[in-house]
């Protein structure tokens, strides 16, 4: 059975809804996100916007262009198997979906602290080239978590990598009494392999980087006394997952 059919099966009653702030390594800004979860499945949604080309600018030094739509970026997870369907964007008006399988090997820590009014415990893992510390709460005994993180004895409340380039924090959570169907039908989506999506992202970033350099060179030739920079734009695409 294909992964997208597994993920579109009707869920049991949704038992919780959480909101997060998420910043991945490729981001210059925090983004609002939501997580629906029950005993078997979760659906994480972020970077949703009505504009297909969403430009964020702090008018100082940070600028980020996000290609998206009203549905946004999705991570649909089977908590029992680790099977996921990921919806992202490689180019404007071109959402892509790819299957992924994630099984993080967590090492439970001894640290405790309060976050958002919840008693939290620490856990550590290495995931696709980054070292992460997560905080989870036994107050909500769910294996769900934000983005691709899951598999702890309680809901994951916060995640941060050792370089502090990835930061995810819970802002609110509530348990739901009524059933809601949050399954997503990916059967009509443009389904690629993870490798194909990564190649598309690398190619799109290289095109953007080279176009930016060409524009700067053109302006510099026209206005030689003008100081023009690319705001330290890296030559390689920033990425959360190195592997």
Protein backbone atom coordinates (compact mmCIF):
# COMPACT_ATOMS: atom_id res chain seq x y z
CA UNK A 1 0.00 0.00 0.00
CA UNK A 2 1.36 3.44 -0.90
CA UNK A 3 2.26 5.84 1.87
CA UNK A 4 -0.20 8.48 0.76
CA UNK A 5 -3.07 6.02 1.09
CA UNK A 6 -1.94 5.17 4.62
CA UNK A 7 -1.94 8.84 5.51
CA UNK A 8 -5.38 9.54 4.05
CA UNK A 9 -7.12 6.87 6.08
CA UNK A 10 -9.71 8.34 8.45
CA UNK A 11 -8.24 9.07 11.82
CA UNK A 12 -9.65 8.12 15.12
CA UNK A 13 -10.86 10.99 17.28
CA UNK A 14 -8.42 13.89 17.36
CA UNK A 15 -7.44 14.30 21.01
CA UNK A 16 -5.27 17.40 20.95
CA UNK A 17 -4.41 20.65 19.25
CA UNK A 18 -1.18 22.57 19.83
CA UNK A 19 0.31 25.75 18.46
CA UNK A 20 4.03 26.38 18.01
CA UNK A 21 6.56 28.89 16.78
CA UNK A 22 9.02 27.27 14.39
CA UNK A 23 12.28 28.46 12.86
CA UNK A 24 14.28 26.00 10.79
CA UNK A 25 17.88 26.52 9.69
CA UNK A 26 16.79 27.88 6.31
CA UNK A 27 14.56 30.50 7.92
CA UNK A 28 15.27 34.06 9.00
CA UNK A 29 11.94 34.40 10.81
CA UNK A 30 9.73 32.48 13.23
CA UNK A 31 6.57 31.02 11.71
CA UNK A 32 3.29 30.12 13.36
CA UNK A 33 2.44 26.44 13.23
CA UNK A 34 -0.25 24.04 14.42
CA UNK A 35 -0.31 20.36 15.38
CA UNK A 36 -3.36 18.09 15.52
CA UNK A 37 -2.68 14.75 17.14
CA UNK A 38 -4.31 11.62 18.43
CA UNK A 39 -2.99 8.25 19.57
CA UNK A 40 -2.02 7.12 16.08
CA UNK A 41 -1.48 10.15 13.84
CA UNK A 42 -0.45 13.77 13.76
CA UNK A 43 -0.66 16.63 11.27
CA UNK A 44 1.76 19.56 11.50
CA UNK A 45 1.01 22.68 9.45
CA UNK A 46 3.20 25.77 9.02
CA UNK A 47 4.08 28.59 6.59
CA UNK A 48 0.52 28.84 5.29
CA UNK A 49 -0.35 32.08 3.53
CA UNK A 50 -2.77 33.23 0.85
CA UNK A 51 0.08 34.74 -1.15
CA UNK A 52 1.98 32.32 -3.38
CA UNK A 53 5.10 34.48 -2.96
CA UNK A 54 5.25 35.57 0.66
CA UNK A 55 7.94 38.19 1.29
CA UNK A 56 9.03 38.78 4.89
CA UNK A 57 11.24 41.80 5.58
CA UNK A 58 12.26 43.35 8.90
CA UNK A 59 13.44 46.50 7.06
CA UNK A 60 16.87 46.15 8.68
CA UNK A 61 18.86 43.13 7.54
CA UNK A 62 16.54 40.13 7.24
CA UNK A 63 14.59 39.21 4.11
CA UNK A 64 12.98 35.88 3.29
CA UNK A 65 10.84 34.75 0.38
CA UNK A 66 8.52 31.82 1.04
CA UNK A 67 6.66 30.05 -1.76
CA UNK A 68 3.45 28.69 -0.32
CA UNK A 69 -0.36 28.73 -0.47
CA UNK A 70 -3.35 28.67 1.85
CA UNK A 71 -2.72 25.00 2.71
CA UNK A 72 0.94 25.62 3.48
CA UNK A 73 3.63 23.15 4.45
CA UNK A 74 2.45 19.86 5.96
CA UNK A 75 3.94 16.93 7.85
CA UNK A 76 1.45 14.08 8.14
CA UNK A 77 2.78 11.36 10.43
CA UNK A 78 1.81 7.84 11.42
CA UNK A 79 3.06 7.75 15.00
CA UNK A 80 3.06 3.95 15.03
CA UNK A 81 5.30 3.45 12.00
CA UNK A 82 7.16 6.74 11.49
CA UNK A 83 5.81 6.96 7.94
CA UNK A 84 5.33 10.56 6.86
CA UNK A 85 4.05 12.53 3.90
CA UNK A 86 5.72 15.92 3.58
CA UNK A 87 4.27 18.81 1.58
CA UNK A 88 6.68 21.63 0.68
CA UNK A 89 7.38 24.07 -2.12
CA UNK A 90 10.33 24.03 -4.50
CA UNK A 91 9.13 26.92 -6.68
CA UNK A 92 6.25 29.37 -6.74
CA UNK A 93 2.89 27.66 -7.38
CA UNK A 94 4.59 24.25 -7.40
CA UNK A 95 3.82 22.31 -4.22
CA UNK A 96 5.54 18.94 -4.00
CA UNK A 97 4.86 15.97 -1.75
CA UNK A 98 7.32 13.28 -0.78
CA UNK A 99 7.27 10.26 1.54
CA UNK A 100 9.70 10.08 4.42
CA UNK A 101 10.34 7.61 7.24
CA UNK A 102 11.65 9.03 10.49
CA UNK A 103 12.65 7.05 13.56
CA UNK A 104 14.61 9.20 15.97
CA UNK A 105 16.77 7.42 18.53
CA UNK A 106 16.12 9.43 21.67
CA UNK A 107 18.26 9.35 24.81
CA UNK A 108 16.17 10.45 27.78
CA UNK A 109 17.86 13.05 29.98
CA UNK A 110 17.65 13.89 33.67
CA UNK A 111 16.87 17.61 33.34
CA UNK A 112 13.49 19.06 34.26
CA UNK A 113 11.95 22.49 33.73
CA UNK A 114 8.63 24.25 33.28
CA UNK A 115 7.62 25.40 29.81
CA UNK A 116 4.27 27.00 29.05
CA UNK A 117 3.00 25.79 32.43
CA UNK A 118 3.92 22.17 31.68
CA UNK A 119 6.36 19.95 33.56
CA UNK A 120 8.96 19.00 30.98
CA UNK A 121 11.81 16.51 30.76
CA UNK A 122 14.80 16.58 28.43
CA UNK A 123 15.74 14.19 25.65
CA UNK A 124 18.56 14.17 23.12
CA UNK A 125 19.04 12.83 19.63
CA UNK A 126 21.13 13.17 16.48
CA UNK A 127 18.92 13.56 13.43
CA UNK A 128 20.27 13.92 9.90
CA UNK A 129 23.49 15.59 10.89
CA UNK A 130 22.34 17.79 13.77
CA UNK A 131 22.36 17.30 17.54
CA UNK A 132 19.05 18.19 19.16
CA UNK A 133 17.73 18.70 22.65
CA UNK A 134 13.99 18.31 23.08
CA UNK A 135 11.66 18.93 25.99
CA UNK A 136 8.58 16.76 26.37
CA UNK A 137 5.78 16.60 28.91
CA UNK A 138 4.25 13.53 30.53
CA UNK A 139 1.25 15.75 31.35
CA UNK A 140 0.12 14.98 27.78
CA UNK A 141 1.00 11.32 27.09
CA UNK A 142 1.25 11.51 23.32
CA UNK A 143 4.14 10.48 21.06
CA UNK A 144 3.41 13.43 18.76
CA UNK A 145 5.60 16.45 18.20
CA UNK A 146 6.26 19.36 15.85
CA UNK A 147 7.67 19.06 12.33
CA UNK A 148 9.39 15.66 11.95
CA UNK A 149 10.01 15.15 15.67
CA UNK A 150 8.06 12.46 17.52
CA UNK A 151 8.46 9.25 19.48
CA UNK A 152 8.88 10.47 23.08
CA UNK A 153 6.72 9.36 26.04
CA UNK A 154 4.93 12.72 26.04
CA UNK A 155 4.07 15.57 23.73
CA UNK A 156 7.18 17.39 22.52
CA UNK A 157 7.06 20.96 23.79
CA UNK A 158 10.34 22.40 22.48
CA UNK A 159 13.25 21.45 20.22
CA UNK A 160 16.57 23.19 19.62
CA UNK A 161 19.72 22.13 17.83
CA UNK A 162 23.24 22.57 19.21
CA UNK A 163 24.02 25.44 16.78
CA UNK A 164 20.75 27.20 17.73
CA UNK A 165 19.77 27.35 14.07
CA UNK A 166 16.61 25.30 14.65
CA UNK A 167 14.18 26.43 17.31
CA UNK A 168 10.65 25.16 17.91
CA UNK A 169 8.57 26.11 20.95
CA UNK A 170 5.01 25.35 22.02
CA UNK A 171 2.82 28.42 22.55
CA UNK A 172 -0.48 26.75 23.48
CA UNK A 173 -2.10 23.34 23.73
CA UNK A 174 -5.56 21.99 24.48
CA UNK A 175 -7.23 18.61 24.53
CA UNK A 176 -10.25 18.16 22.30
CA UNK A 177 -13.43 16.40 23.32
CA UNK A 178 -15.02 16.19 19.86
CA UNK A 179 -13.81 14.16 16.92
CA UNK A 180 -12.28 16.00 13.96
CA UNK A 181 -11.09 14.44 10.72
CA UNK A 182 -7.75 16.04 9.84
CA UNK A 183 -6.62 13.50 7.26
CA UNK A 184 -5.13 14.85 4.04
CA UNK A 185 -5.68 13.33 0.60
CA UNK A 186 -2.34 13.40 -1.19
CA UNK A 187 -3.47 11.14 -4.04
CA UNK A 188 -3.73 14.03 -6.54
CA UNK A 189 -0.49 15.67 -5.45
CA UNK A 190 2.77 15.83 -7.36
CA UNK A 191 4.51 13.06 -5.43
CA UNK A 192 8.29 12.90 -5.70
CA UNK A 193 11.04 11.08 -3.87
CA UNK A 194 12.84 12.94 -1.09
CA UNK A 195 15.99 12.96 -3.22
CA UNK A 196 14.12 14.58 -6.14
CA UNK A 197 12.74 17.31 -3.88
CA UNK A 198 16.18 18.04 -2.41
CA UNK A 199 17.64 18.30 -5.92
CA UNK A 200 14.85 20.68 -6.93
CA UNK A 201 15.46 22.86 -3.86
CA UNK A 202 19.21 22.96 -4.53
CA UNK A 203 18.67 23.91 -8.18
CA UNK A 204 16.13 26.62 -7.34
CA UNK A 205 18.44 28.11 -4.71
CA UNK A 206 21.43 28.11 -7.10
CA UNK A 207 19.34 29.93 -9.70
CA UNK A 208 18.26 32.51 -7.10
CA UNK A 209 21.83 32.97 -5.84
CA UNK A 210 23.32 33.41 -9.31
CA UNK A 211 20.57 35.82 -10.36
CA UNK A 212 21.19 37.86 -7.22
CA UNK A 213 24.94 38.01 -7.94
CA UNK A 214 24.29 39.08 -11.52
CA UNK A 215 21.96 41.86 -10.41
CA UNK A 216 24.52 43.13 -7.89
CA UNK A 217 27.27 43.09 -10.51
CA UNK A 218 25.09 45.02 -12.95
CA UNK A 219 24.23 47.67 -10.36
CA UNK A 220 27.84 47.91 -9.23
CA UNK A 221 28.97 48.53 -12.81
CA UNK A 222 26.34 51.21 -13.25
CA UNK A 223 27.00 52.84 -9.87
CA UNK A 224 30.67 52.12 -9.01
CA UNK A 225 30.65 54.36 -5.92
CA UNK A 226 27.64 52.58 -4.43
CA UNK A 227 28.27 49.89 -1.80
CA UNK A 228 26.06 46.91 -2.56
CA UNK A 229 26.03 43.67 -0.56
CA UNK A 230 24.06 40.44 -0.67
CA UNK A 231 23.51 40.42 3.12
CA UNK A 232 25.96 37.51 3.46
CA UNK A 233 23.80 35.24 1.35
CA UNK A 234 25.52 31.81 1.45
CA UNK A 235 26.53 30.15 -1.80
CA UNK A 236 25.05 26.83 -0.64
CA UNK A 237 21.38 26.43 0.29
CA UNK A 238 20.89 26.62 4.06
CA UNK A 239 19.33 23.38 5.26
CA UNK A 240 18.04 21.79 8.41
CA UNK A 241 18.80 18.25 7.28
CA UNK A 242 22.38 17.58 6.22
CA UNK A 243 21.76 13.93 5.37
